[in-house]
All heavy atoms as atom14 arrays in JSON, in Angstrom:
{
  "sequence": "VHSYLMYGYPTQTEQETIDSLEMVRQLFELGIIQSGFWHQFALTTHSP",
  "atom14_mask": [
    [1, 1, 1, 1, 1, 1, 1, 0, 0, 0, 0, 0, 0, 0],
    [1, 1, 1, 1, 1, 1, 1, 1, 1, 1, 0, 0, 0, 0],
    [1, 1, 1, 1, 1, 1, 0, 0, 0, 0, 0, 0, 0, 0],
    [1, 1, 1, 1, 1, 1, 1, 1, 1, 1, 1, 1, 0, 0],
    [1, 1, 1, 1, 1, 1, 1, 1, 0, 0, 0, 0, 0, 0],
    [1, 1, 1, 1, 1, 1, 1, 1, 0, 0, 0, 0, 0, 0],
    [1, 1, 1, 1, 1, 1, 1, 1, 1, 1, 1, 1, 0, 0],
    [1, 1, 1, 1, 0, 0, 0, 0, 0, 0, 0, 0, 0, 0],
    [1, 1, 1, 1, 1, 1, 1, 1, 1, 1, 1, 1, 0, 0],
    [1, 1, 1, 1, 1, 1, 1, 0, 0, 0, 0, 0, 0, 0],
    [1, 1, 1, 1, 1, 1, 1, 0, 0, 0, 0, 0, 0, 0],
    [1, 1, 1, 1, 1, 1, 1, 1, 1, 0, 0, 0, 0, 0],
    [1, 1, 1, 1, 1, 1, 1, 0, 0, 0, 0, 0, 0, 0],
    [1, 1, 1, 1, 1, 1, 1, 1, 1, 0, 0, 0, 0, 0],
    [1, 1, 1, 1, 1, 1, 1, 1, 1, 0, 0, 0, 0, 0],
    [1, 1, 1, 1, 1, 1, 1, 1, 1, 0, 0, 0, 0, 0],
    [1, 1, 1, 1, 1, 1, 1, 0, 0, 0, 0, 0, 0, 0],
    [1, 1, 1, 1, 1, 1, 1, 1, 0, 0, 0, 0, 0, 0],
    [1, 1, 1, 1, 1, 1, 1, 1, 0, 0, 0, 0, 0, 0],
    [1, 1, 1, 1, 1, 1, 0, 0, 0, 0, 0, 0, 0, 0],
    [1, 1, 1, 1, 1, 1, 1, 1, 0, 0, 0, 0, 0, 0],
    [1, 1, 1, 1, 1, 1, 1, 1, 1, 0, 0, 0, 0, 0],
    [1, 1, 1, 1, 1, 1, 1, 1, 0, 0, 0, 0, 0, 0],
    [1, 1, 1, 1, 1, 1, 1, 0, 0, 0, 0, 0, 0, 0],
    [1, 1, 1, 1, 1, 1, 1, 1, 1, 1, 1, 0, 0, 0],
    [1, 1, 1, 1, 1, 1, 1, 1, 1, 0, 0, 0, 0, 0],
    [1, 1, 1, 1, 1, 1, 1, 1, 0, 0, 0, 0, 0, 0],
    [1, 1, 1, 1, 1, 1, 1, 1, 1, 1, 1, 0, 0, 0],
    [1, 1, 1, 1, 1, 1, 1, 1, 1, 0, 0, 0, 0, 0],
    [1, 1, 1, 1, 1, 1, 1, 1, 0, 0, 0, 0, 0, 0],
    [1, 1, 1, 1, 0, 0, 0, 0, 0, 0, 0, 0, 0, 0],
    [1, 1, 1, 1, 1, 1, 1, 1, 0, 0, 0, 0, 0, 0],
    [1, 1, 1, 1, 1, 1, 1, 1, 0, 0, 0, 0, 0, 0],
    [1, 1, 1, 1, 1, 1, 1, 1, 1, 0, 0, 0, 0, 0],
    [1, 1, 1, 1, 1, 1, 0, 0, 0, 0, 0, 0, 0, 0],
    [1, 1, 1, 1, 0, 0, 0, 0, 0, 0, 0, 0, 0, 0],
    [1, 1, 1, 1, 1, 1, 1, 1, 1, 1, 1, 0, 0, 0],
    [1, 1, 1, 1, 1, 1, 1, 1, 1, 1, 1, 1, 1, 1],
    [1, 1, 1, 1, 1, 1, 1, 1, 1, 1, 0, 0, 0, 0],
    [1, 1, 1, 1, 1, 1, 1, 1, 1, 0, 0, 0, 0, 0],
    [1, 1, 1, 1, 1, 1, 1, 1, 1, 1, 1, 0, 0, 0],
    [1, 1, 1, 1, 1, 0, 0, 0, 0, 0, 0, 0, 0, 0],
    [1, 1, 1, 1, 1, 1, 1, 1, 0, 0, 0, 0, 0, 0],
    [1, 1, 1, 1, 1, 1, 1, 0, 0, 0, 0, 0, 0, 0],
    [1, 1, 1, 1, 1, 1, 1, 0, 0, 0, 0, 0, 0, 0],
    [1, 1, 1, 1, 1, 1, 1, 1, 1, 1, 0, 0, 0, 0],
    [1, 1, 1, 1, 1, 1, 0, 0, 0, 0, 0, 0, 0, 0],
    [1, 1, 1, 1, 1, 1, 1, 0, 0, 0, 0, 0, 0, 0]
  ],
  "atom14_positions": [
    [[-105.62, -13.04, -40.63], [-104.62, -12.05, -40.22], [-104.5, -11.04, -41.3], [-104.14, -11.36, -42.44], [-103.29, -12.67, -39.87], [-102.3, -11.62, -39.47], [-103.47, -13.75, -38.76], [0.0, 0.0, 0.0], [0.0, 0.0, 0.0], [0.0, 0.0, 0.0], [0.0, 0.0, 0.0], [0.0, 0.0, 0.0], [0.0, 0.0, 0.0], [0.0, 0.0, 0.0]],
    [[-104.68, -9.79, -40.92], [-104.41, -8.63, -41.81], [-103.23, -7.82, -41.2], [-103.2, -7.62, -40.01], [-105.62, -7.72, -41.92], [-105.41, -6.42, -42.64], [-105.54, -6.34, -44.04], [-105.02, -5.19, -42.23], [-105.26, -5.12, -44.43], [-104.93, -4.39, -43.33], [0.0, 0.0, 0.0], [0.0, 0.0, 0.0], [0.0, 0.0, 0.0], [0.0, 0.0, 0.0]],
    [[-102.3, -7.43, -42.08], [-101.15, -6.7, -41.6], [-101.06, -5.32, -42.24], [-101.14, -5.18, -43.5], [-99.83, -7.5, -41.89], [-98.74, -6.79, -41.35], [0.0, 0.0, 0.0], [0.0, 0.0, 0.0], [0.0, 0.0, 0.0], [0.0, 0.0, 0.0], [0.0, 0.0, 0.0], [0.0, 0.0, 0.0], [0.0, 0.0, 0.0], [0.0, 0.0, 0.0]],
    [[-100.9, -4.32, -41.37], [-100.59, -2.96, -41.91], [-99.08, -2.86, -42.17], [-98.3, -3.19, -41.33], [-100.99, -1.92, -40.89], [-102.46, -1.9, -40.55], [-102.91, -2.4, -39.34], [-103.44, -1.46, -41.46], [-104.24, -2.43, -39.03], [-104.77, -1.52, -41.16], [-105.19, -1.99, -39.95], [-106.54, -2.0, -39.67], [0.0, 0.0, 0.0], [0.0, 0.0, 0.0]],
    [[-98.78, -2.41, -43.35], [-97.36, -2.38, -43.79], [-96.97, -0.95, -44.13], [-97.8, -0.19, -44.67], [-97.15, -3.3, -45.02], [-97.61, -4.77, -44.85], [-97.73, -5.46, -46.22], [-96.64, -5.46, -43.92], [0.0, 0.0, 0.0], [0.0, 0.0, 0.0], [0.0, 0.0, 0.0], [0.0, 0.0, 0.0], [0.0, 0.0, 0.0], [0.0, 0.0, 0.0]],
    [[-95.76, -0.62, -43.82], [-95.29, 0.78, -44.02], [-93.99, 0.81, -44.82], [-93.18, -0.1, -44.72], [-95.06, 1.4, -42.62], [-94.64, 2.85, -42.64], [-94.1, 3.42, -41.04], [-95.59, 3.33, -40.08], [0.0, 0.0, 0.0], [0.0, 0.0, 0.0], [0.0, 0.0, 0.0], [0.0, 0.0, 0.0], [0.0, 0.0, 0.0], [0.0, 0.0, 0.0]],
    [[-93.9, 1.86, -45.61], [-92.64, 2.07, -46.3], [-92.34, 3.59, -46.22], [-93.23, 4.39, -46.03], [-92.68, 1.62, -47.76], [-93.7, 2.34, -48.64], [-93.34, 3.39, -49.52], [-95.05, 1.98, -48.61], [-94.27, 4.06, -50.26], [-95.97, 2.62, -49.37], [-95.61, 3.63, -50.22], [-96.51, 4.28, -51.01], [0.0, 0.0, 0.0], [0.0, 0.0, 0.0]],
    [[-91.07, 3.91, -46.34], [-90.68, 5.32, -46.26], [-90.45, 5.86, -44.89], [-90.42, 7.07, -44.67], [0.0, 0.0, 0.0], [0.0, 0.0, 0.0], [0.0, 0.0, 0.0], [0.0, 0.0, 0.0], [0.0, 0.0, 0.0], [0.0, 0.0, 0.0], [0.0, 0.0, 0.0], [0.0, 0.0, 0.0], [0.0, 0.0, 0.0], [0.0, 0.0, 0.0]],
    [[-90.28, 4.95, -43.88], [-90.0, 5.42, -42.53], [-88.64, 6.15, -42.52], [-87.71, 5.78, -43.28], [-90.0, 4.28, -41.55], [-89.9, 4.67, -40.09], [-91.03, 5.04, -39.44], [-88.68, 4.73, -39.44], [-90.97, 5.48, -38.1], [-88.57, 5.17, -38.14], [-89.71, 5.56, -37.45], [-89.64, 5.96, -36.17], [0.0, 0.0, 0.0], [0.0, 0.0, 0.0]],
    [[-88.48, 7.18, -41.72], [-87.19, 7.91, -41.71], [-85.96, 7.05, -41.59], [-85.98, 6.09, -40.79], [-87.35, 8.83, -40.45], [-88.81, 9.06, -40.37], [-89.46, 7.8, -40.8], [0.0, 0.0, 0.0], [0.0, 0.0, 0.0], [0.0, 0.0, 0.0], [0.0, 0.0, 0.0], [0.0, 0.0, 0.0], [0.0, 0.0, 0.0], [0.0, 0.0, 0.0]],
    [[-85.0, 7.31, -42.43], [-83.68, 6.61, -42.57], [-83.85, 5.28, -43.28], [-82.89, 4.6, -43.51], [-82.96, 6.35, -41.23], [-83.59, 5.33, -40.5], [-82.89, 7.65, -40.41], [0.0, 0.0, 0.0], [0.0, 0.0, 0.0], [0.0, 0.0, 0.0], [0.0, 0.0, 0.0], [0.0, 0.0, 0.0], [0.0, 0.0, 0.0], [0.0, 0.0, 0.0]],
    [[-85.08, 4.87, -43.73], [-85.2, 3.62, -44.44], [-84.51, 3.75, -45.8], [-84.72, 4.69, -46.52], [-86.68, 3.29, -44.64], [-86.89, 1.94, -45.34], [-88.34, 1.54, -45.41], [-89.18, 2.24, -44.81], [-88.68, 0.39, -46.02], [0.0, 0.0, 0.0], [0.0, 0.0, 0.0], [0.0, 0.0, 0.0], [0.0, 0.0, 0.0], [0.0, 0.0, 0.0]],
    [[-83.72, 2.73, -46.12], [-82.97, 2.68, -47.39], [-83.77, 1.93, -48.45], [-84.72, 1.22, -48.1], [-81.56, 2.06, -47.23], [-81.77, 0.66, -46.89], [-80.78, 2.81, -46.13], [0.0, 0.0, 0.0], [0.0, 0.0, 0.0], [0.0, 0.0, 0.0], [0.0, 0.0, 0.0], [0.0, 0.0, 0.0], [0.0, 0.0, 0.0], [0.0, 0.0, 0.0]],
    [[-83.36, 2.07, -49.7], [-84.01, 1.28, -50.75], [-83.8, -0.19, -50.49], [-84.69, -1.01, -50.79], [-83.45, 1.73, -52.11], [-83.85, 3.16, -52.48], [-83.59, 3.46, -53.94], [-83.13, 2.56, -54.66], [-83.83, 4.6, -54.36], [0.0, 0.0, 0.0], [0.0, 0.0, 0.0], [0.0, 0.0, 0.0], [0.0, 0.0, 0.0], [0.0, 0.0, 0.0]],
    [[-82.63, -0.55, -50.04], [-82.31, -1.94, -49.75], [-83.26, -2.49, -48.7], [-83.86, -3.58, -48.8], [-80.9, -2.11, -49.24], [-80.5, -3.56, -48.96], [-80.4, -4.37, -50.23], [-79.57, -4.09, -51.13], [-81.23, -5.38, -50.36], [0.0, 0.0, 0.0], [0.0, 0.0, 0.0], [0.0, 0.0, 0.0], [0.0, 0.0, 0.0], [0.0, 0.0, 0.0]],
    [[-83.57, -1.68, -47.65], [-84.48, -2.15, -46.63], [-85.92, -2.27, -47.1], [-86.67, -3.11, -46.66], [-84.41, -1.15, -45.4], [-83.15, -1.39, -44.59], [-82.96, -0.32, -43.48], [-83.27, 0.85, -43.77], [-82.51, -0.69, -42.41], [0.0, 0.0, 0.0], [0.0, 0.0, 0.0], [0.0, 0.0, 0.0], [0.0, 0.0, 0.0], [0.0, 0.0, 0.0]],
    [[-86.3, -1.39, -48.07], [-87.63, -1.47, -48.6], [-87.82, -2.83, -49.37], [-88.79, -3.53, -49.22], [-87.92, -0.33, -49.58], [-87.87, 0.91, -48.82], [-89.28, -0.42, -50.23], [0.0, 0.0, 0.0], [0.0, 0.0, 0.0], [0.0, 0.0, 0.0], [0.0, 0.0, 0.0], [0.0, 0.0, 0.0], [0.0, 0.0, 0.0], [0.0, 0.0, 0.0]],
    [[-86.81, -3.2, -50.17], [-86.87, -4.43, -50.94], [-86.75, -5.66, -50.01], [-87.49, -6.61, -50.18], [-85.75, -4.45, -52.01], [-85.99, -3.35, -53.01], [-85.67, -5.81, -52.68], [-87.33, -3.4, -53.76], [0.0, 0.0, 0.0], [0.0, 0.0, 0.0], [0.0, 0.0, 0.0], [0.0, 0.0, 0.0], [0.0, 0.0, 0.0], [0.0, 0.0, 0.0]],
    [[-85.92, -5.57, -49.0], [-85.81, -6.64, -48.01], [-87.15, -6.83, -47.27], [-87.56, -7.92, -46.94], [-84.65, -6.42, -47.07], [-83.27, -6.62, -47.73], [-83.26, -7.17, -48.87], [-82.28, -6.25, -47.1], [0.0, 0.0, 0.0], [0.0, 0.0, 0.0], [0.0, 0.0, 0.0], [0.0, 0.0, 0.0], [0.0, 0.0, 0.0], [0.0, 0.0, 0.0]],
    [[-87.78, -5.73, -46.98], [-89.06, -5.77, -46.23], [-90.11, -6.47, -47.14], [-90.88, -7.26, -46.7], [-89.52, -4.37, -45.88], [-90.77, -4.38, -45.26], [0.0, 0.0, 0.0], [0.0, 0.0, 0.0], [0.0, 0.0, 0.0], [0.0, 0.0, 0.0], [0.0, 0.0, 0.0], [0.0, 0.0, 0.0], [0.0, 0.0, 0.0], [0.0, 0.0, 0.0]],
    [[-90.07, -6.14, -48.48], [-91.03, -6.79, -49.41], [-90.76, -8.27, -49.46], [-91.68, -9.07, -49.51], [-90.83, -6.16, -50.77], [-91.69, -6.82, -51.92], [-93.15, -6.79, -51.58], [-91.38, -6.13, -53.2], [0.0, 0.0, 0.0], [0.0, 0.0, 0.0], [0.0, 0.0, 0.0], [0.0, 0.0, 0.0], [0.0, 0.0, 0.0], [0.0, 0.0, 0.0]],
    [[-89.47, -8.65, -49.39], [-89.16, -10.14, -49.4], [-89.69, -10.81, -48.18], [-90.23, -11.9, -48.26], [-87.66, -10.3, -49.54], [-87.19, -11.75, -49.34], [-87.79, -12.75, -50.33], [-88.26, -12.32, -51.39], [-87.7, -13.97, -50.05], [0.0, 0.0, 0.0], [0.0, 0.0, 0.0], [0.0, 0.0, 0.0], [0.0, 0.0, 0.0], [0.0, 0.0, 0.0]],
    [[-89.59, -10.16, -47.02], [-90.15, -10.72, -45.81], [-91.68, -10.88, -45.95], [-92.22, -11.94, -45.64], [-89.89, -9.8, -44.6], [-88.45, -9.72, -44.22], [-87.9, -11.22, -43.34], [-86.45, -10.52, -42.42], [0.0, 0.0, 0.0], [0.0, 0.0, 0.0], [0.0, 0.0, 0.0], [0.0, 0.0, 0.0], [0.0, 0.0, 0.0], [0.0, 0.0, 0.0]],
    [[-92.32, -9.93, -46.48], [-93.78, -9.93, -46.73], [-94.12, -11.09, -47.7], [-95.08, -11.84, -47.53], [-94.28, -8.61, -47.24], [-95.75, -8.66, -47.68], [-94.15, -7.53, -46.14], [0.0, 0.0, 0.0], [0.0, 0.0, 0.0], [0.0, 0.0, 0.0], [0.0, 0.0, 0.0], [0.0, 0.0, 0.0], [0.0, 0.0, 0.0], [0.0, 0.0, 0.0]],
    [[-93.31, -11.21, -48.75], [-93.55, -12.25, -49.78], [-93.52, -13.64, -49.07], [-94.43, -14.45, -49.28], [-92.43, -12.22, -50.82], [-92.69, -13.23, -51.97], [-91.47, -13.43, -52.83], [-90.39, -14.1, -52.08], [-90.34, -15.4, -51.89], [-91.29, -16.22, -52.38], [-89.36, -15.98, -51.21], [0.0, 0.0, 0.0], [0.0, 0.0, 0.0], [0.0, 0.0, 0.0]],
    [[-92.55, -13.87, -48.18], [-92.45, -15.12, -47.5], [-93.58, -15.33, -46.57], [-94.15, -16.5, -46.44], [-91.11, -15.21, -46.73], [-89.91, -15.27, -47.68], [-88.59, -15.48, -46.88], [-88.59, -16.09, -45.85], [-87.51, -14.9, -47.4], [0.0, 0.0, 0.0], [0.0, 0.0, 0.0], [0.0, 0.0, 0.0], [0.0, 0.0, 0.0], [0.0, 0.0, 0.0]],
    [[-94.05, -14.34, -45.88], [-95.19, -14.47, -44.96], [-96.49, -14.89, -45.68], [-97.23, -15.74, -45.25], [-95.4, -13.15, -44.18], [-94.39, -12.76, -43.16], [-94.49, -11.29, -42.8], [-94.56, -13.63, -41.9], [0.0, 0.0, 0.0], [0.0, 0.0, 0.0], [0.0, 0.0, 0.0], [0.0, 0.0, 0.0], [0.0, 0.0, 0.0], [0.0, 0.0, 0.0]],
    [[-96.65, -14.3, -46.89], [-97.83, -14.69, -47.69], [-97.66, -16.02, -48.32], [-98.64, -16.8, -48.4], [-98.11, -13.6, -48.73], [-98.95, -12.47, -48.2], [-98.34, -11.31, -47.74], [-100.34, -12.56, -48.18], [-99.08, -10.28, -47.27], [-101.1, -11.52, -47.73], [-100.5, -10.34, -47.23], [0.0, 0.0, 0.0], [0.0, 0.0, 0.0], [0.0, 0.0, 0.0]],
    [[-96.45, -16.33, -48.8], [-96.2, -17.67, -49.41], [-96.48, -18.78, -48.43], [-97.02, -19.84, -48.8], [-94.84, -17.73, -49.97], [-94.57, -19.03, -50.78], [-93.25, -19.04, -51.49], [-92.29, -18.4, -50.96], [-93.12, -19.69, -52.51], [0.0, 0.0, 0.0], [0.0, 0.0, 0.0], [0.0, 0.0, 0.0], [0.0, 0.0, 0.0], [0.0, 0.0, 0.0]],
    [[-96.09, -18.6, -47.18], [-96.38, -19.59, -46.12], [-97.79, -19.62, -45.69], [-98.21, -20.51, -44.96], [-95.51, -19.31, -44.91], [-93.94, -19.61, -45.13], [-93.14, -19.04, -43.96], [-93.71, -21.05, -45.29], [0.0, 0.0, 0.0], [0.0, 0.0, 0.0], [0.0, 0.0, 0.0], [0.0, 0.0, 0.0], [0.0, 0.0, 0.0], [0.0, 0.0, 0.0]],
    [[-98.55, -18.58, -46.11], [-99.99, -18.57, -45.8], [-100.28, -18.13, -44.38], [-101.42, -18.34, -43.88], [0.0, 0.0, 0.0], [0.0, 0.0, 0.0], [0.0, 0.0, 0.0], [0.0, 0.0, 0.0], [0.0, 0.0, 0.0], [0.0, 0.0, 0.0], [0.0, 0.0, 0.0], [0.0, 0.0, 0.0], [0.0, 0.0, 0.0], [0.0, 0.0, 0.0]],
    [[-99.32, -17.49, -43.72], [-99.57, -17.1, -42.32], [-100.07, -15.62, -42.18], [-100.38, -15.22, -41.07], [-98.36, -17.37, -41.41], [-97.1, -16.64, -41.94], [-98.07, -18.84, -41.34], [-95.85, -16.8, -41.09], [0.0, 0.0, 0.0], [0.0, 0.0, 0.0], [0.0, 0.0, 0.0], [0.0, 0.0, 0.0], [0.0, 0.0, 0.0], [0.0, 0.0, 0.0]],
    [[-100.11, -14.91, -43.25], [-100.85, -13.67, -43.38], [-101.68, -13.76, -44.61], [-101.26, -14.2, -45.66], [-99.85, -12.47, -43.44], [-99.15, -12.2, -42.08], [-100.6, -11.19, -43.87], [-98.19, -11.06, -42.13], [0.0, 0.0, 0.0], [0.0, 0.0, 0.0], [0.0, 0.0, 0.0], [0.0, 0.0, 0.0], [0.0, 0.0, 0.0], [0.0, 0.0, 0.0]],
    [[-102.93, -13.36, -44.47], [-103.86, -13.53, -45.56], [-104.27, -12.17, -46.27], [-104.83, -12.15, -47.33], [-105.17, -14.2, -45.11], [-104.95, -15.65, -44.59], [-104.37, -15.72, -43.22], [-104.86, -15.0, -42.32], [-103.36, -16.55, -43.04], [0.0, 0.0, 0.0], [0.0, 0.0, 0.0], [0.0, 0.0, 0.0], [0.0, 0.0, 0.0], [0.0, 0.0, 0.0]],
    [[-103.98, -11.09, -45.54], [-104.4, -9.82, -46.1], [-103.41, -8.74, -45.6], [-102.79, -8.86, -44.55], [-105.84, -9.48, -45.53], [-106.24, -8.18, -45.88], [0.0, 0.0, 0.0], [0.0, 0.0, 0.0], [0.0, 0.0, 0.0], [0.0, 0.0, 0.0], [0.0, 0.0, 0.0], [0.0, 0.0, 0.0], [0.0, 0.0, 0.0], [0.0, 0.0, 0.0]],
    [[-103.24, -7.69, -46.4], [-102.36, -6.61, -46.06], [-102.61, -5.36, -46.74], [-103.38, -5.35, -47.73], [0.0, 0.0, 0.0], [0.0, 0.0, 0.0], [0.0, 0.0, 0.0], [0.0, 0.0, 0.0], [0.0, 0.0, 0.0], [0.0, 0.0, 0.0], [0.0, 0.0, 0.0], [0.0, 0.0, 0.0], [0.0, 0.0, 0.0], [0.0, 0.0, 0.0]],
    [[-101.96, -4.32, -46.33], [-102.11, -3.0, -47.01], [-100.86, -2.17, -46.76], [-100.45, -1.98, -45.6], [-103.32, -2.26, -46.49], [-103.62, -0.96, -47.23], [-104.24, -1.0, -48.47], [-103.26, 0.28, -46.71], [-104.48, 0.16, -49.18], [-103.5, 1.44, -47.4], [-104.12, 1.4, -48.64], [0.0, 0.0, 0.0], [0.0, 0.0, 0.0], [0.0, 0.0, 0.0]],
    [[-100.25, -1.7, -47.84], [-99.09, -0.78, -47.71], [-99.53, 0.66, -47.64], [-100.43, 1.09, -48.36], [-98.23, -0.91, -49.02], [-97.37, -2.16, -49.11], [-97.66, -3.23, -49.9], [-96.15, -2.46, -48.48], [-96.68, -4.19, -49.81], [-95.76, -3.71, -48.93], [-95.41, -1.76, -47.56], [-94.55, -4.3, -48.49], [-94.22, -2.36, -47.07], [-93.78, -3.63, -47.58]],
    [[-98.92, 1.41, -46.78], [-99.08, 2.83, -46.78], [-97.74, 3.53, -46.53], [-96.87, 3.0, -45.87], [-100.11, 3.3, -45.68], [-99.64, 3.1, -44.26], [-99.77, 1.88, -43.62], [-99.07, 3.92, -43.35], [-99.27, 1.99, -42.4], [-98.82, 3.23, -42.22], [0.0, 0.0, 0.0], [0.0, 0.0, 0.0], [0.0, 0.0, 0.0], [0.0, 0.0, 0.0]],
    [[-97.59, 4.7, -47.07], [-96.32, 5.45, -46.94], [-96.34, 6.21, -45.62], [-97.36, 6.74, -45.17], [-96.14, 6.44, -48.08], [-94.75, 7.09, -48.08], [-94.48, 7.84, -49.36], [-95.23, 7.72, -50.37], [-93.45, 8.64, -49.43], [0.0, 0.0, 0.0], [0.0, 0.0, 0.0], [0.0, 0.0, 0.0], [0.0, 0.0, 0.0], [0.0, 0.0, 0.0]],
    [[-95.19, 6.2, -44.94], [-95.01, 6.88, -43.66], [-95.48, 8.36, -43.78], [-95.16, 9.05, -44.74], [-93.57, 6.85, -43.18], [-93.26, 7.75, -42.09], [-93.58, 7.42, -40.78], [-92.65, 9.0, -42.3], [-93.31, 8.28, -39.72], [-92.38, 9.87, -41.25], [-92.68, 9.53, -39.97], [0.0, 0.0, 0.0], [0.0, 0.0, 0.0], [0.0, 0.0, 0.0]],
    [[-96.26, 8.81, -42.81], [-96.71, 10.19, -42.76], [-96.22, 10.77, -41.4], [-96.42, 10.13, -40.35], [-98.2, 10.3, -42.88], [0.0, 0.0, 0.0], [0.0, 0.0, 0.0], [0.0, 0.0, 0.0], [0.0, 0.0, 0.0], [0.0, 0.0, 0.0], [0.0, 0.0, 0.0], [0.0, 0.0, 0.0], [0.0, 0.0, 0.0], [0.0, 0.0, 0.0]],
    [[-95.62, 11.93, -41.48], [-95.17, 12.6, -40.24], [-96.29, 13.38, -39.64], [-96.9, 14.24, -40.27], [-94.0, 13.55, -40.58], [-93.47, 14.41, -39.43], [-92.88, 13.53, -38.32], [-92.41, 15.38, -39.98], [0.0, 0.0, 0.0], [0.0, 0.0, 0.0], [0.0, 0.0, 0.0], [0.0, 0.0, 0.0], [0.0, 0.0, 0.0], [0.0, 0.0, 0.0]],
    [[-96.64, 13.05, -38.38], [-97.72, 13.77, -37.67], [-97.11, 14.56, -36.52], [-96.16, 14.06, -35.86], [-98.8, 12.82, -37.14], [-98.23, 11.92, -36.18], [-99.44, 12.01, -38.3], [0.0, 0.0, 0.0], [0.0, 0.0, 0.0], [0.0, 0.0, 0.0], [0.0, 0.0, 0.0], [0.0, 0.0, 0.0], [0.0, 0.0, 0.0], [0.0, 0.0, 0.0]],
    [[-97.68, 15.68, -36.26], [-97.11, 16.61, -35.26], [-97.17, 16.05, -33.84], [-96.37, 16.5, -32.97], [-97.83, 17.95, -35.39], [-97.16, 18.91, -34.58], [-99.29, 17.88, -34.89], [0.0, 0.0, 0.0], [0.0, 0.0, 0.0], [0.0, 0.0, 0.0], [0.0, 0.0, 0.0], [0.0, 0.0, 0.0], [0.0, 0.0, 0.0], [0.0, 0.0, 0.0]],
    [[-98.08, 15.12, -33.56], [-98.24, 14.61, -32.2], [-97.42, 13.37, -31.9], [-97.59, 12.81, -30.79], [-99.73, 14.42, -31.88], [-100.62, 15.56, -32.22], [-100.53, 16.75, -31.57], [-101.6, 15.69, -33.19], [-101.42, 17.6, -32.08], [-102.04, 16.99, -33.07], [0.0, 0.0, 0.0], [0.0, 0.0, 0.0], [0.0, 0.0, 0.0], [0.0, 0.0, 0.0]],
    [[-96.69, 12.89, -32.87], [-95.92, 11.64, -32.7], [-94.51, 11.96, -32.16], [-94.07, 13.11, -32.25], [-95.82, 10.92, -34.02], [-95.0, 11.69, -34.92], [0.0, 0.0, 0.0], [0.0, 0.0, 0.0], [0.0, 0.0, 0.0], [0.0, 0.0, 0.0], [0.0, 0.0, 0.0], [0.0, 0.0, 0.0], [0.0, 0.0, 0.0], [0.0, 0.0, 0.0]],
    [[-93.84, 10.96, -31.63], [-92.43, 11.18, -31.19], [-91.54, 11.7, -32.36], [-90.68, 12.52, -32.13], [-92.02, 9.81, -30.72], [-93.25, 9.2, -30.18], [-94.32, 9.67, -31.13], [0.0, 0.0, 0.0], [0.0, 0.0, 0.0], [0.0, 0.0, 0.0], [0.0, 0.0, 0.0], [0.0, 0.0, 0.0], [0.0, 0.0, 0.0], [0.0, 0.0, 0.0]]
  ]
}
């Protein structure tokens, strides 16, 4: 399992970024995700 991970989504707080990282830490520690990649939110003109 590979998971695409995002940070910097609109209205995301610093607290939510750190809490999201903790969730990711637990997923990897339990071994139920084996691979991942973080990317920063990008605003595209064709998205909602």
